[in-house]
N, C-alpha and C. Protein backbone atom coordinates (compact mmCIF):
# COMPACT_ATOMS: atom_id res chain seq x y z
N MET A 1 52.30 72.39 13.93
CA MET A 1 52.50 73.69 14.10
C MET A 1 52.06 74.31 14.92
N LEU A 2 52.24 75.26 15.75
CA LEU A 2 51.37 75.39 16.76
C LEU A 2 50.51 76.40 16.35
N ALA A 3 49.08 76.82 16.98
CA ALA A 3 48.44 78.62 16.40
C ALA A 3 48.63 79.05 17.35
N SER A 4 48.31 80.24 15.99
CA SER A 4 49.29 81.65 16.64
C SER A 4 47.78 82.01 18.03
N PRO A 5 48.05 83.07 18.89
CA PRO A 5 47.87 82.56 20.25
C PRO A 5 46.04 83.58 20.19
N GLU A 6 46.11 83.78 18.65
CA GLU A 6 44.70 84.66 19.24
C GLU A 6 43.31 82.81 19.12
N ALA A 7 44.25 82.49 18.51
CA ALA A 7 43.92 80.94 17.94
C ALA A 7 43.33 80.41 18.66
N ALA A 8 44.49 79.88 19.80
CA ALA A 8 44.40 79.35 21.02
C ALA A 8 43.58 80.13 21.65
N GLY A 9 43.14 81.34 22.14
CA GLY A 9 42.50 81.69 23.33
C GLY A 9 41.53 81.67 22.55
N ALA A 10 40.67 81.31 21.69
CA ALA A 10 39.39 81.48 21.30
C ALA A 10 38.82 79.88 22.02
N ARG A 11 39.80 78.69 20.67
CA ARG A 11 39.68 77.43 21.57
C ARG A 11 40.10 77.81 23.33
N TRP A 12 40.54 78.31 24.19
CA TRP A 12 40.47 78.05 25.65
C TRP A 12 38.91 78.73 26.05
N SER A 13 38.49 79.91 25.16
CA SER A 13 36.97 80.47 25.48
C SER A 13 36.36 79.33 26.10
N LYS A 14 36.54 78.74 25.15
CA LYS A 14 34.96 77.36 25.12
C LYS A 14 35.37 76.23 25.61
N LEU A 15 36.42 76.37 26.52
CA LEU A 15 37.06 75.02 27.83
C LEU A 15 36.10 76.05 28.98
N PRO A 16 35.92 74.90 29.76
CA PRO A 16 35.62 75.22 30.97
C PRO A 16 36.11 75.75 31.89
N PRO A 17 35.50 76.17 32.91
CA PRO A 17 36.68 77.54 33.41
C PRO A 17 37.77 77.30 33.90
N GLU A 18 36.87 76.01 35.03
CA GLU A 18 37.74 75.21 35.80
C GLU A 18 39.19 74.36 34.99
N ARG A 19 38.71 73.72 33.28
CA ARG A 19 40.11 73.60 32.50
C ARG A 19 41.16 74.54 32.24
N GLN A 20 40.05 75.66 31.71
CA GLN A 20 40.84 76.86 31.69
C GLN A 20 41.65 77.11 32.49
N GLU A 21 41.57 77.12 33.93
CA GLU A 21 42.72 76.97 35.26
C GLU A 21 43.16 76.56 34.96
N GLN A 22 42.94 75.38 34.68
CA GLN A 22 44.88 74.23 34.75
C GLN A 22 45.04 74.39 33.33
N VAL A 23 44.47 74.93 32.45
CA VAL A 23 45.56 74.92 31.69
C VAL A 23 46.42 76.50 31.81
N ARG A 24 45.86 77.48 32.19
CA ARG A 24 46.70 78.98 33.00
C ARG A 24 47.25 78.21 34.25
N GLN A 25 47.56 77.20 35.12
CA GLN A 25 48.36 76.56 35.95
C GLN A 25 49.35 76.03 35.07
N GLN A 26 49.22 75.07 33.92
CA GLN A 26 50.29 74.07 32.60
C GLN A 26 51.13 75.23 33.16
N LEU A 27 50.61 76.08 32.18
CA LEU A 27 51.62 77.50 31.49
C LEU A 27 52.30 78.11 32.43
N GLN A 28 51.81 78.83 33.60
CA GLN A 28 52.20 79.19 35.05
C GLN A 28 53.73 78.23 34.90
N TRP A 29 53.33 76.51 35.39
CA TRP A 29 54.34 75.81 35.53
C TRP A 29 55.83 75.46 34.53
N PHE A 30 55.37 75.71 32.94
CA PHE A 30 55.95 75.39 32.19
C PHE A 30 57.02 76.69 31.95
N ASP A 31 56.64 77.91 32.02
CA ASP A 31 57.01 79.34 32.06
C ASP A 31 57.73 79.58 33.42
N SER A 32 58.15 78.50 34.50
CA SER A 32 59.03 78.56 35.42
C SER A 32 59.97 77.85 35.10
N LEU A 33 59.93 77.09 34.31
CA LEU A 33 61.04 76.03 34.25
C LEU A 33 62.47 76.54 33.37
N ALA A 34 63.41 75.88 33.38
CA ALA A 34 64.46 76.56 33.30
C ALA A 34 64.30 76.23 31.71
N PRO A 35 65.59 76.63 30.79
CA PRO A 35 64.96 76.42 29.11
C PRO A 35 65.43 75.34 28.91
N ALA A 36 66.73 74.67 29.67
CA ALA A 36 66.65 73.09 29.28
C ALA A 36 65.45 71.93 29.64
N GLN A 37 65.62 72.67 31.30
CA GLN A 37 64.23 71.54 31.82
C GLN A 37 62.99 72.05 30.72
N GLN A 38 62.84 73.15 30.12
CA GLN A 38 61.35 72.88 28.97
C GLN A 38 62.12 71.92 27.52
N ALA A 39 63.22 72.32 27.31
CA ALA A 39 63.36 71.80 26.48
C ALA A 39 63.02 69.72 26.59
N ILE A 40 63.31 69.20 27.80
CA ILE A 40 63.66 68.63 28.11
C ILE A 40 61.44 67.74 28.22
N GLU A 41 61.01 68.60 28.94
CA GLU A 41 58.97 68.64 28.78
C GLU A 41 59.01 68.62 27.52
N ILE A 42 59.25 69.42 26.47
CA ILE A 42 58.05 69.44 25.08
C ILE A 42 59.07 68.16 24.29
N ARG A 43 60.31 67.36 24.35
CA ARG A 43 60.28 66.07 24.10
C ARG A 43 59.83 64.94 24.87
N ARG A 44 59.72 65.28 26.03
CA ARG A 44 58.47 64.31 26.57
C ARG A 44 57.11 63.98 25.75
N ILE A 45 56.11 65.53 25.55
CA ILE A 45 55.01 65.91 24.92
C ILE A 45 55.30 64.99 23.62
N GLU A 46 56.47 65.17 23.18
CA GLU A 46 56.50 65.05 21.86
C GLU A 46 56.26 63.67 21.38
N ARG A 47 56.98 62.86 22.46
CA ARG A 47 57.26 61.16 22.46
C ARG A 47 56.41 61.24 22.53
N PHE A 48 55.37 61.21 23.67
CA PHE A 48 53.66 61.03 24.24
C PHE A 48 52.46 61.01 23.26
N ALA A 49 52.73 62.17 22.00
CA ALA A 49 52.21 62.52 20.67
C ALA A 49 52.51 61.31 20.17
N ALA A 50 53.39 60.95 20.08
CA ALA A 50 54.21 59.94 19.23
C ALA A 50 53.64 58.15 18.87
N LEU A 51 53.33 57.92 20.33
CA LEU A 51 53.17 56.73 20.18
C LEU A 51 51.95 56.49 20.12
N PRO A 52 51.75 55.12 20.28
CA PRO A 52 50.29 55.05 18.94
C PRO A 52 48.73 55.10 20.23
N PRO A 53 48.05 54.92 19.61
CA PRO A 53 46.69 55.45 20.68
C PRO A 53 46.68 54.40 22.15
N ASP A 54 47.04 52.97 21.46
CA ASP A 54 46.51 51.95 22.83
C ASP A 54 47.99 52.85 23.77
N GLN A 55 49.23 52.54 23.23
CA GLN A 55 49.67 53.22 24.39
C GLN A 55 49.86 54.22 25.30
N ARG A 56 49.49 55.56 24.55
CA ARG A 56 48.81 57.22 24.97
C ARG A 56 47.74 56.55 26.59
N ALA A 57 47.00 55.34 25.45
CA ALA A 57 46.12 55.13 27.10
C ALA A 57 46.28 54.48 28.32
N ALA A 58 47.28 53.23 27.65
CA ALA A 58 48.12 53.14 29.22
C ALA A 58 48.65 54.04 29.41
N VAL A 59 49.30 55.61 28.70
CA VAL A 59 50.31 56.21 29.94
C VAL A 59 49.72 57.46 31.42
N ARG A 60 48.53 57.36 30.43
CA ARG A 60 46.89 57.97 30.97
C ARG A 60 46.41 57.40 31.92
N GLY A 61 46.11 55.53 31.46
CA GLY A 61 46.27 54.91 32.70
C GLY A 61 46.98 54.44 33.98
N ALA A 62 48.14 54.87 33.99
CA ALA A 62 49.62 54.71 34.77
C ALA A 62 49.46 56.14 35.49
N MET A 63 49.11 57.07 34.92
CA MET A 63 49.72 58.09 35.41
C MET A 63 48.01 58.80 36.56
N GLN A 64 46.82 58.29 35.51
CA GLN A 64 45.50 58.22 36.64
C GLN A 64 46.54 56.77 37.80
N ALA A 65 46.99 56.10 38.02
CA ALA A 65 47.18 55.27 39.40
C ALA A 65 47.81 55.86 40.00
N LEU A 66 49.50 56.97 39.24
CA LEU A 66 49.80 57.58 40.21
C LEU A 66 49.63 58.65 40.59
N ASN A 67 48.98 59.06 40.55
CA ASN A 67 47.95 60.14 41.52
C ASN A 67 47.35 59.68 42.59
N GLN A 68 46.66 58.23 42.30
CA GLN A 68 45.90 57.61 43.09
C GLN A 68 46.23 57.36 44.32
N LEU A 69 48.20 56.52 44.07
CA LEU A 69 48.67 56.23 45.67
C LEU A 69 48.83 57.40 46.28
N PRO A 70 49.12 56.64 48.02
CA PRO A 70 48.90 57.95 48.69
C PRO A 70 50.59 58.48 48.59
N PRO A 71 50.50 59.65 49.35
CA PRO A 71 51.45 60.58 48.85
C PRO A 71 53.00 59.92 48.67
N PRO A 72 53.47 59.22 50.20
CA PRO A 72 54.63 58.97 50.64
C PRO A 72 54.45 58.26 49.58
N ARG A 73 54.03 56.77 48.50
CA ARG A 73 54.32 56.35 47.88
C ARG A 73 53.92 57.24 46.28
N ARG A 74 53.68 57.96 45.49
CA ARG A 74 53.41 58.62 44.76
C ARG A 74 55.14 59.21 44.94
N GLN A 75 55.42 59.84 45.90
CA GLN A 75 56.79 61.02 45.77
C GLN A 75 57.80 59.20 45.41
N ALA A 76 57.81 58.60 46.12
CA ALA A 76 58.98 57.08 45.61
C ALA A 76 58.62 57.21 44.05
N VAL A 77 57.73 56.75 43.90
CA VAL A 77 57.57 56.17 42.41
C VAL A 77 57.83 56.97 41.28
N ARG A 78 57.90 58.73 41.69
CA ARG A 78 58.25 60.17 41.05
C ARG A 78 59.78 59.62 41.10
N ARG A 79 60.22 59.77 41.79
CA ARG A 79 61.76 59.42 42.75
C ARG A 79 62.35 58.31 41.37
N ALA A 80 61.88 57.44 41.78
CA ALA A 80 62.45 56.49 40.46
C ALA A 80 62.17 56.42 39.23
N LEU A 81 61.05 57.44 38.93
CA LEU A 81 61.21 57.48 37.56
C LEU A 81 62.41 58.69 36.83
N ILE A 82 62.21 60.10 38.06
CA ILE A 82 63.68 60.91 37.72
C ILE A 82 65.41 60.03 37.49
N ALA A 83 65.53 59.26 38.40
CA ALA A 83 66.13 58.13 38.97
C ALA A 83 66.81 57.56 37.13
N LEU A 84 65.50 57.07 36.65
CA LEU A 84 65.52 55.87 35.74
C LEU A 84 65.66 56.90 34.31
N GLY A 85 65.38 58.05 34.47
CA GLY A 85 65.42 58.99 33.59
C GLY A 85 66.31 59.70 32.74
N ALA A 86 67.34 59.08 33.81
CA ALA A 86 68.81 59.34 33.27
C ALA A 86 70.19 58.44 33.01
N LEU A 87 68.69 57.04 32.44
CA LEU A 87 69.23 56.02 31.95
C LEU A 87 69.04 55.81 30.54
N ASN A 88 69.72 54.67 29.72
CA ASN A 88 69.34 54.20 28.80
C ASN A 88 68.09 53.96 28.49
N PRO A 89 68.04 52.83 28.17
CA PRO A 89 66.30 51.93 27.69
C PRO A 89 67.32 50.32 28.53
N ASN A 90 68.17 50.32 27.91
CA ASN A 90 68.73 48.63 28.89
C ASN A 90 69.23 49.21 29.76
N GLN A 91 70.20 50.05 30.22
CA GLN A 91 69.89 50.35 31.86
C GLN A 91 69.00 50.50 32.67
N ARG A 92 67.26 51.05 32.54
CA ARG A 92 66.51 51.41 33.06
C ARG A 92 65.57 49.51 33.09
N LEU A 93 65.98 49.00 32.20
CA LEU A 93 65.89 47.33 32.06
C LEU A 93 66.09 46.69 33.55
N ARG A 94 67.32 47.33 33.38
CA ARG A 94 68.38 45.76 33.95
C ARG A 94 68.32 46.76 35.38
N ARG A 95 68.06 48.30 35.90
CA ARG A 95 67.71 48.09 37.28
C ARG A 95 66.23 47.68 38.03
N MET A 96 65.21 48.03 36.82
CA MET A 96 64.04 48.32 36.96
C MET A 96 63.40 46.14 37.48
N ASN A 97 64.96 45.64 36.44
CA ASN A 97 64.54 43.98 37.21
C ASN A 97 65.39 43.32 38.43
N ASN A 98 66.17 44.55 39.04
CA ASN A 98 66.85 44.89 40.24
C ASN A 98 66.06 44.06 41.66
N PRO A 99 66.91 43.13 42.20
CA PRO A 99 66.11 42.43 43.16
C PRO A 99 65.59 43.96 44.03
N ALA A 100 66.03 44.55 44.20
CA ALA A 100 66.28 45.27 45.46
C ALA A 100 65.40 46.33 45.02
N PHE A 101 65.04 46.41 43.13
CA PHE A 101 64.26 47.95 43.12
C PHE A 101 62.96 47.34 43.99
N ARG A 102 62.85 45.94 42.63
CA ARG A 102 61.51 44.90 43.01
C ARG A 102 61.07 45.30 44.73
N ASP A 103 62.06 44.80 45.79
CA ASP A 103 61.76 45.40 46.80
C ASP A 103 60.93 46.48 46.82
N ARG A 104 61.59 47.08 46.86
CA ARG A 104 61.44 48.64 47.17
C ARG A 104 59.80 48.92 46.77
N PHE A 105 58.84 48.32 45.81
CA PHE A 105 57.60 48.07 44.68
C PHE A 105 56.86 47.46 44.82
N SER A 106 55.49 47.98 44.98
CA SER A 106 54.67 46.91 45.33
C SER A 106 54.23 46.57 43.49
N PRO A 107 53.72 45.64 43.26
CA PRO A 107 53.70 45.03 41.68
C PRO A 107 52.39 46.61 40.66
N ASP A 108 51.86 47.01 41.49
CA ASP A 108 51.34 47.98 41.24
C ASP A 108 51.96 48.93 40.89
N GLU A 109 52.66 49.44 41.27
CA GLU A 109 54.27 50.65 41.50
C GLU A 109 55.06 50.35 40.13
N GLN A 110 55.29 48.95 40.21
CA GLN A 110 56.12 48.64 39.48
C GLN A 110 55.18 48.04 37.10
N ARG A 111 54.36 48.10 37.94
CA ARG A 111 54.00 48.49 36.66
C ARG A 111 53.55 49.57 35.78
N ILE A 112 52.99 50.69 36.96
CA ILE A 112 53.63 52.16 36.86
C ILE A 112 54.47 53.11 36.16
N ILE A 113 55.81 52.33 37.15
CA ILE A 113 56.75 52.66 36.35
C ILE A 113 56.95 52.43 35.53
N ALA A 114 57.16 51.06 34.38
CA ALA A 114 57.72 50.35 33.57
C ALA A 114 56.74 51.07 32.52
N THR A 115 55.52 51.58 32.95
CA THR A 115 54.26 52.40 31.85
C THR A 115 54.98 53.16 31.21
N LEU A 116 55.21 54.20 32.62
CA LEU A 116 55.38 55.69 32.35
C LEU A 116 56.94 55.49 32.00
N SER A 117 57.19 55.15 32.60
CA SER A 117 59.49 54.32 32.01
C SER A 117 59.33 54.82 30.16
N ASP A 118 58.33 53.78 29.20
CA ASP A 118 58.35 53.10 28.19
C ASP A 118 57.45 54.68 27.61
N GLY A 119 56.76 55.01 28.38
CA GLY A 119 55.92 55.41 27.36
C GLY A 119 56.26 57.59 27.49
N LEU A 120 56.64 57.52 28.76
CA LEU A 120 57.47 59.14 28.69
C LEU A 120 58.73 59.41 28.93
N LEU A 121 60.41 58.47 29.28
CA LEU A 121 60.58 59.00 29.32
C LEU A 121 62.40 58.61 27.86
N PRO A 122 62.14 59.77 27.41
CA PRO A 122 62.78 59.54 25.94
C PRO A 122 63.91 58.80 26.00
N PRO A 123 65.33 58.10 24.60
CA PRO A 123 65.99 57.09 24.95
C PRO A 123 67.22 57.97 24.86
N LEU A 124 67.93 57.33 25.09
CA LEU A 124 69.49 58.90 25.33
C LEU A 124 70.14 57.80 24.37
């Protein structure tokens, strides 16, 4: 259950200013999404929250690794994740094991894609 706006505001006021700004930016980004995209993001958050702690840690690590990639590679990995998001889990696995797919990504990038695909992409 979500906290009341007053309770949420009280908690946010205890955050450091830079974290408060991050939260504001994330909320603005979420509010700018179409309702269908908001629903997808909510499902993604719920899926992440339902993961066991070790898998959540793996997803966080993969996100950090993704953010450390050079911008062109980061964009390529993100595009691959978007494409995988339209597939069911069996199709995702086949795509990720396809030699053409594997040739496009380094072993580290493949690990990032696999971890984020397992942890964040909902089953269809």
